Amino acid sequence: MAARRGGIISFAINGETQLAKGNFTYNLGAPKREGVVGMDRVHGYKETPQIPFIEGEITDAGTVDLAALTNLKDALVTLRVAVGKQIVLRDAWYAAGGNVGTEEGNIQARFEGLSAEEITL
């Protein structure tokens, strides 16, 4: 039996749905592990923090206030993906350059936050 693995998504900032475009990526911010090796053998690993984020493109249909978007802080950002999960990014800030493409009105959007969780719907 075939099952959907990707496709339609929904993206919102502080509860306001945005026009999501293209591929979005996210990271829940779990520690990154890297091996520690000596001259004799592997000694173990170290952990370094990662910043939770949601990143992708949105389309400006003439309603996006770019100045407000680029100054956004303490936001709640949500991404619903096709496989029945919702990613919730809390205490988030806008972390992209504010670049806008005029051909299709696309805005590069990256939000980083203090915490993220993945909820199965």
N, C-alpha and C. Protein backbone atom coordinates (compact mmCIF):
# COMPACT_ATOMS: atom_id res chain seq x y z
N MET A 1 0.84 -1.18 0.00
CA MET A 1 0.00 0.00 0.00
C MET A 1 0.88 1.24 0.00
N ALA A 2 0.62 2.14 -0.91
CA ALA A 2 1.39 3.38 -1.02
C ALA A 2 0.95 4.37 0.04
N ALA A 3 1.90 5.09 0.57
CA ALA A 3 1.60 6.10 1.59
C ALA A 3 2.27 7.41 1.20
N ARG A 4 1.59 8.50 1.49
CA ARG A 4 2.15 9.82 1.19
C ARG A 4 3.31 10.08 2.13
N ARG A 5 4.41 10.57 1.60
CA ARG A 5 5.61 10.88 2.38
C ARG A 5 5.95 12.36 2.35
N GLY A 6 5.41 13.06 1.41
CA GLY A 6 5.71 14.48 1.30
C GLY A 6 4.62 15.19 0.54
N GLY A 7 4.79 16.48 0.40
CA GLY A 7 3.83 17.25 -0.37
C GLY A 7 3.30 18.44 0.39
N ILE A 8 2.01 18.52 0.49
CA ILE A 8 1.33 19.70 1.03
C ILE A 8 1.76 19.98 2.47
N ILE A 9 2.09 21.25 2.72
CA ILE A 9 2.46 21.69 4.06
C ILE A 9 1.64 22.92 4.43
N SER A 10 1.71 23.28 5.69
CA SER A 10 1.09 24.51 6.19
C SER A 10 2.10 25.18 7.10
N PHE A 11 2.27 26.48 6.96
CA PHE A 11 3.27 27.23 7.71
C PHE A 11 2.62 28.46 8.31
N ALA A 12 2.85 28.71 9.59
CA ALA A 12 2.23 29.86 10.25
C ALA A 12 3.22 30.53 11.20
N ILE A 13 3.06 31.85 11.32
CA ILE A 13 3.84 32.66 12.25
C ILE A 13 2.84 33.32 13.19
N ASN A 14 2.98 33.03 14.49
CA ASN A 14 2.05 33.55 15.49
C ASN A 14 0.59 33.32 15.10
N GLY A 15 0.32 32.13 14.56
CA GLY A 15 -1.04 31.74 14.20
C GLY A 15 -1.53 32.26 12.86
N GLU A 16 -0.74 33.10 12.19
CA GLU A 16 -1.14 33.65 10.89
C GLU A 16 -0.51 32.81 9.78
N THR A 17 -1.37 32.14 9.01
CA THR A 17 -0.90 31.27 7.94
C THR A 17 -0.20 32.08 6.85
N GLN A 18 0.94 31.56 6.42
CA GLN A 18 1.72 32.17 5.35
C GLN A 18 1.62 31.31 4.10
N LEU A 19 1.93 31.88 2.96
CA LEU A 19 1.95 31.13 1.70
C LEU A 19 3.29 30.41 1.59
N ALA A 20 3.31 29.14 1.97
CA ALA A 20 4.52 28.33 1.95
C ALA A 20 4.87 27.95 0.53
N LYS A 21 6.16 28.00 0.23
CA LYS A 21 6.61 27.72 -1.13
C LYS A 21 7.82 26.78 -1.06
N GLY A 22 7.80 25.75 -1.87
CA GLY A 22 8.97 24.90 -1.99
C GLY A 22 9.24 24.03 -0.79
N ASN A 23 10.48 23.64 -0.67
CA ASN A 23 10.93 22.72 0.35
C ASN A 23 11.27 23.44 1.64
N PHE A 24 10.72 23.01 2.75
CA PHE A 24 11.07 23.53 4.06
C PHE A 24 11.96 22.52 4.77
N THR A 25 12.86 22.99 5.62
CA THR A 25 13.68 22.12 6.45
C THR A 25 13.54 22.58 7.89
N TYR A 26 13.80 21.65 8.79
CA TYR A 26 13.75 21.99 10.21
C TYR A 26 14.73 21.14 10.98
N ASN A 27 15.06 21.60 12.19
CA ASN A 27 15.94 20.89 13.10
C ASN A 27 15.39 21.14 14.49
N LEU A 28 15.20 20.10 15.27
CA LEU A 28 14.63 20.23 16.61
C LEU A 28 15.65 20.71 17.65
N GLY A 29 16.92 20.76 17.28
CA GLY A 29 17.92 21.31 18.19
C GLY A 29 18.54 20.29 19.14
N ALA A 30 18.44 19.01 18.83
CA ALA A 30 19.10 18.01 19.67
C ALA A 30 20.60 18.22 19.58
N PRO A 31 21.33 17.88 20.63
CA PRO A 31 22.79 18.05 20.58
C PRO A 31 23.41 17.27 19.43
N LYS A 32 24.42 17.85 18.82
CA LYS A 32 25.16 17.21 17.74
C LYS A 32 26.33 16.46 18.36
N ARG A 33 26.47 15.21 17.99
CA ARG A 33 27.56 14.39 18.53
C ARG A 33 28.67 14.25 17.49
N GLU A 34 29.88 14.43 17.95
CA GLU A 34 31.05 14.25 17.10
C GLU A 34 32.07 13.40 17.84
N GLY A 35 32.69 12.49 17.10
CA GLY A 35 33.68 11.61 17.70
C GLY A 35 34.93 12.35 18.15
N VAL A 36 35.50 11.86 19.24
CA VAL A 36 36.79 12.36 19.73
C VAL A 36 37.77 11.20 19.57
N VAL A 37 38.80 11.45 18.79
CA VAL A 37 39.76 10.39 18.51
C VAL A 37 41.15 10.79 18.98
N GLY A 38 41.85 9.86 19.53
CA GLY A 38 43.23 10.08 19.93
C GLY A 38 44.15 9.37 18.96
N MET A 39 45.42 9.33 19.29
CA MET A 39 46.40 8.65 18.44
C MET A 39 46.34 7.13 18.63
N ASP A 40 45.62 6.69 19.66
CA ASP A 40 45.57 5.26 19.94
C ASP A 40 44.23 4.62 19.59
N ARG A 41 43.13 5.37 19.73
CA ARG A 41 41.79 4.81 19.46
C ARG A 41 40.75 5.91 19.60
N VAL A 42 39.52 5.54 19.37
CA VAL A 42 38.41 6.46 19.59
C VAL A 42 38.21 6.60 21.09
N HIS A 43 38.18 7.83 21.57
CA HIS A 43 38.06 8.09 23.00
C HIS A 43 36.61 8.29 23.44
N GLY A 44 35.74 8.53 22.49
CA GLY A 44 34.33 8.77 22.83
C GLY A 44 33.78 9.84 21.90
N TYR A 45 32.91 10.67 22.43
CA TYR A 45 32.32 11.73 21.62
C TYR A 45 32.08 12.96 22.47
N LYS A 46 31.89 14.06 21.79
CA LYS A 46 31.51 15.30 22.45
C LYS A 46 30.16 15.74 21.91
N GLU A 47 29.45 16.50 22.67
CA GLU A 47 28.16 17.05 22.24
C GLU A 47 28.24 18.56 22.21
N THR A 48 27.70 19.13 21.15
CA THR A 48 27.59 20.58 21.06
C THR A 48 26.13 20.93 20.77
N PRO A 49 25.66 22.03 21.34
CA PRO A 49 24.27 22.42 21.11
C PRO A 49 24.03 22.81 19.65
N GLN A 50 22.80 22.62 19.20
CA GLN A 50 22.36 23.11 17.90
C GLN A 50 21.17 24.03 18.13
N ILE A 51 21.02 24.98 17.25
CA ILE A 51 19.89 25.90 17.35
C ILE A 51 18.70 25.29 16.61
N PRO A 52 17.56 25.14 17.29
CA PRO A 52 16.36 24.68 16.58
C PRO A 52 15.96 25.70 15.52
N PHE A 53 15.48 25.22 14.36
CA PHE A 53 15.08 26.16 13.31
C PHE A 53 14.03 25.56 12.39
N ILE A 54 13.34 26.44 11.70
CA ILE A 54 12.48 26.11 10.57
C ILE A 54 12.87 27.07 9.46
N GLU A 55 13.08 26.52 8.25
CA GLU A 55 13.57 27.34 7.15
C GLU A 55 12.88 26.95 5.85
N GLY A 56 12.57 27.95 5.04
CA GLY A 56 11.97 27.72 3.73
C GLY A 56 11.70 29.04 3.04
N GLU A 57 10.82 29.00 2.06
CA GLU A 57 10.43 30.22 1.34
C GLU A 57 8.94 30.45 1.50
N ILE A 58 8.58 31.72 1.63
CA ILE A 58 7.18 32.10 1.61
C ILE A 58 6.96 33.06 0.45
N THR A 59 5.72 33.15 0.01
CA THR A 59 5.36 34.06 -1.07
C THR A 59 4.67 35.28 -0.49
N ASP A 60 5.08 36.45 -0.94
CA ASP A 60 4.44 37.69 -0.53
C ASP A 60 3.33 38.00 -1.52
N ALA A 61 2.10 37.89 -1.06
CA ALA A 61 0.93 38.21 -1.90
C ALA A 61 0.55 39.68 -1.72
N GLY A 62 1.51 40.47 -1.24
CA GLY A 62 1.25 41.88 -1.00
C GLY A 62 0.87 42.18 0.43
N THR A 63 0.83 41.15 1.27
CA THR A 63 0.40 41.35 2.66
C THR A 63 1.52 41.20 3.68
N VAL A 64 2.70 40.77 3.24
CA VAL A 64 3.81 40.59 4.17
C VAL A 64 4.49 41.93 4.43
N ASP A 65 4.57 42.31 5.70
CA ASP A 65 5.29 43.52 6.11
C ASP A 65 6.74 43.08 6.36
N LEU A 66 7.61 43.33 5.39
CA LEU A 66 8.99 42.84 5.45
C LEU A 66 9.73 43.40 6.67
N ALA A 67 9.52 44.66 6.99
CA ALA A 67 10.19 45.25 8.17
C ALA A 67 9.75 44.54 9.45
N ALA A 68 8.46 44.27 9.56
CA ALA A 68 7.96 43.56 10.75
C ALA A 68 8.49 42.13 10.78
N LEU A 69 8.53 41.49 9.63
CA LEU A 69 9.03 40.11 9.56
C LEU A 69 10.49 40.04 9.99
N THR A 70 11.33 40.91 9.45
CA THR A 70 12.76 40.85 9.76
C THR A 70 13.07 41.26 11.20
N ASN A 71 12.16 41.97 11.84
CA ASN A 71 12.34 42.36 13.25
C ASN A 71 11.63 41.44 14.22
N LEU A 72 11.05 40.36 13.73
CA LEU A 72 10.26 39.45 14.55
C LEU A 72 11.11 38.78 15.62
N LYS A 73 10.58 38.76 16.86
CA LYS A 73 11.21 38.08 17.99
C LYS A 73 10.11 37.46 18.84
N ASP A 74 10.48 36.52 19.68
CA ASP A 74 9.56 35.88 20.62
C ASP A 74 8.30 35.36 19.94
N ALA A 75 8.47 34.76 18.77
CA ALA A 75 7.34 34.28 17.97
C ALA A 75 7.12 32.78 18.17
N LEU A 76 5.92 32.35 17.78
CA LEU A 76 5.58 30.94 17.72
C LEU A 76 5.45 30.59 16.24
N VAL A 77 6.30 29.70 15.77
CA VAL A 77 6.32 29.33 14.36
C VAL A 77 5.95 27.85 14.25
N THR A 78 5.00 27.54 13.37
CA THR A 78 4.56 26.15 13.23
C THR A 78 4.64 25.72 11.77
N LEU A 79 4.98 24.47 11.59
CA LEU A 79 5.06 23.85 10.27
C LEU A 79 4.36 22.51 10.35
N ARG A 80 3.30 22.34 9.56
CA ARG A 80 2.62 21.05 9.45
C ARG A 80 3.07 20.39 8.16
N VAL A 81 3.50 19.14 8.28
CA VAL A 81 4.01 18.42 7.12
C VAL A 81 3.06 17.29 6.73
N ALA A 82 3.23 16.80 5.52
CA ALA A 82 2.29 15.86 4.91
C ALA A 82 2.15 14.53 5.64
N VAL A 83 3.14 14.14 6.42
CA VAL A 83 3.08 12.84 7.08
C VAL A 83 2.38 12.89 8.43
N GLY A 84 1.68 13.99 8.72
CA GLY A 84 0.89 14.08 9.94
C GLY A 84 1.65 14.54 11.17
N LYS A 85 2.64 15.38 10.97
CA LYS A 85 3.40 15.94 12.10
C LYS A 85 3.32 17.46 12.06
N GLN A 86 3.44 18.04 13.24
CA GLN A 86 3.53 19.50 13.35
C GLN A 86 4.80 19.81 14.11
N ILE A 87 5.60 20.71 13.56
CA ILE A 87 6.82 21.16 14.23
C ILE A 87 6.50 22.51 14.83
N VAL A 88 6.76 22.64 16.13
CA VAL A 88 6.45 23.87 16.85
C VAL A 88 7.77 24.47 17.34
N LEU A 89 8.06 25.68 16.90
CA LEU A 89 9.27 26.41 17.28
C LEU A 89 8.85 27.56 18.18
N ARG A 90 9.36 27.56 19.40
CA ARG A 90 8.96 28.57 20.40
C ARG A 90 10.06 29.60 20.64
N ASP A 91 9.62 30.79 21.08
CA ASP A 91 10.55 31.89 21.37
C ASP A 91 11.47 32.13 20.18
N ALA A 92 10.86 32.18 19.01
CA ALA A 92 11.61 32.24 17.76
C ALA A 92 11.87 33.66 17.29
N TRP A 93 12.92 33.81 16.52
CA TRP A 93 13.27 35.08 15.90
C TRP A 93 13.56 34.85 14.43
N TYR A 94 13.40 35.90 13.63
CA TYR A 94 13.72 35.83 12.20
C TYR A 94 15.23 35.85 12.06
N ALA A 95 15.78 34.89 11.34
CA ALA A 95 17.23 34.74 11.26
C ALA A 95 17.74 34.67 9.82
N ALA A 96 17.03 35.31 8.90
CA ALA A 96 17.47 35.35 7.50
C ALA A 96 17.84 36.78 7.14
N GLY A 97 18.28 36.96 5.92
CA GLY A 97 18.76 38.27 5.49
C GLY A 97 17.69 39.24 5.03
N GLY A 98 16.46 38.77 4.85
CA GLY A 98 15.41 39.66 4.37
C GLY A 98 15.38 39.78 2.85
N ASN A 99 15.94 38.79 2.16
CA ASN A 99 16.00 38.82 0.70
C ASN A 99 14.64 38.48 0.09
N VAL A 100 14.24 39.26 -0.92
CA VAL A 100 12.98 39.05 -1.62
C VAL A 100 13.27 38.91 -3.10
N GLY A 101 12.70 37.89 -3.73
CA GLY A 101 12.80 37.71 -5.17
C GLY A 101 11.59 38.33 -5.84
N THR A 102 11.81 39.20 -6.80
CA THR A 102 10.69 39.92 -7.42
C THR A 102 9.96 39.11 -8.48
N GLU A 103 10.59 38.09 -9.06
CA GLU A 103 9.93 37.33 -10.12
C GLU A 103 8.67 36.63 -9.62
N GLU A 104 8.75 36.04 -8.42
CA GLU A 104 7.60 35.32 -7.87
C GLU A 104 7.22 35.80 -6.48
N GLY A 105 7.83 36.87 -6.00
CA GLY A 105 7.50 37.40 -4.68
C GLY A 105 7.93 36.49 -3.55
N ASN A 106 9.01 35.75 -3.75
CA ASN A 106 9.46 34.81 -2.73
C ASN A 106 10.40 35.47 -1.73
N ILE A 107 10.21 35.10 -0.47
CA ILE A 107 11.02 35.63 0.63
C ILE A 107 11.70 34.44 1.31
N GLN A 108 13.01 34.51 1.41
CA GLN A 108 13.75 33.50 2.17
C GLN A 108 13.41 33.70 3.64
N ALA A 109 12.97 32.64 4.29
CA ALA A 109 12.56 32.74 5.69
C ALA A 109 13.27 31.68 6.52
N ARG A 110 13.97 32.12 7.54
CA ARG A 110 14.60 31.21 8.50
C ARG A 110 14.26 31.73 9.88
N PHE A 111 13.73 30.84 10.68
CA PHE A 111 13.39 31.18 12.05
C PHE A 111 14.16 30.26 12.97
N GLU A 112 14.82 30.84 13.96
CA GLU A 112 15.53 30.08 14.97
C GLU A 112 14.86 30.36 16.30
N GLY A 113 14.93 29.43 17.21
CA GLY A 113 14.25 29.60 18.49
C GLY A 113 14.97 28.93 19.63
N LEU A 114 14.37 29.06 20.81
CA LEU A 114 14.97 28.47 22.00
C LEU A 114 14.61 27.00 22.16
N SER A 115 13.45 26.60 21.63
CA SER A 115 13.06 25.20 21.73
C SER A 115 12.14 24.83 20.58
N ALA A 116 12.14 23.53 20.26
CA ALA A 116 11.27 23.02 19.20
C ALA A 116 10.82 21.62 19.60
N GLU A 117 9.63 21.28 19.13
CA GLU A 117 9.15 19.91 19.34
C GLU A 117 8.38 19.45 18.13
N GLU A 118 8.35 18.15 17.96
CA GLU A 118 7.64 17.52 16.87
C GLU A 118 6.43 16.80 17.46
N ILE A 119 5.24 17.16 17.00
CA ILE A 119 4.00 16.60 17.52
C ILE A 119 3.34 15.77 16.43
N THR A 120 2.98 14.54 16.74
CA THR A 120 2.27 13.70 15.79
C THR A 120 0.79 14.00 15.91
N LEU A 121 0.18 14.34 14.79
CA LEU A 121 -1.23 14.72 14.79
C LEU A 121 -2.13 13.51 14.61
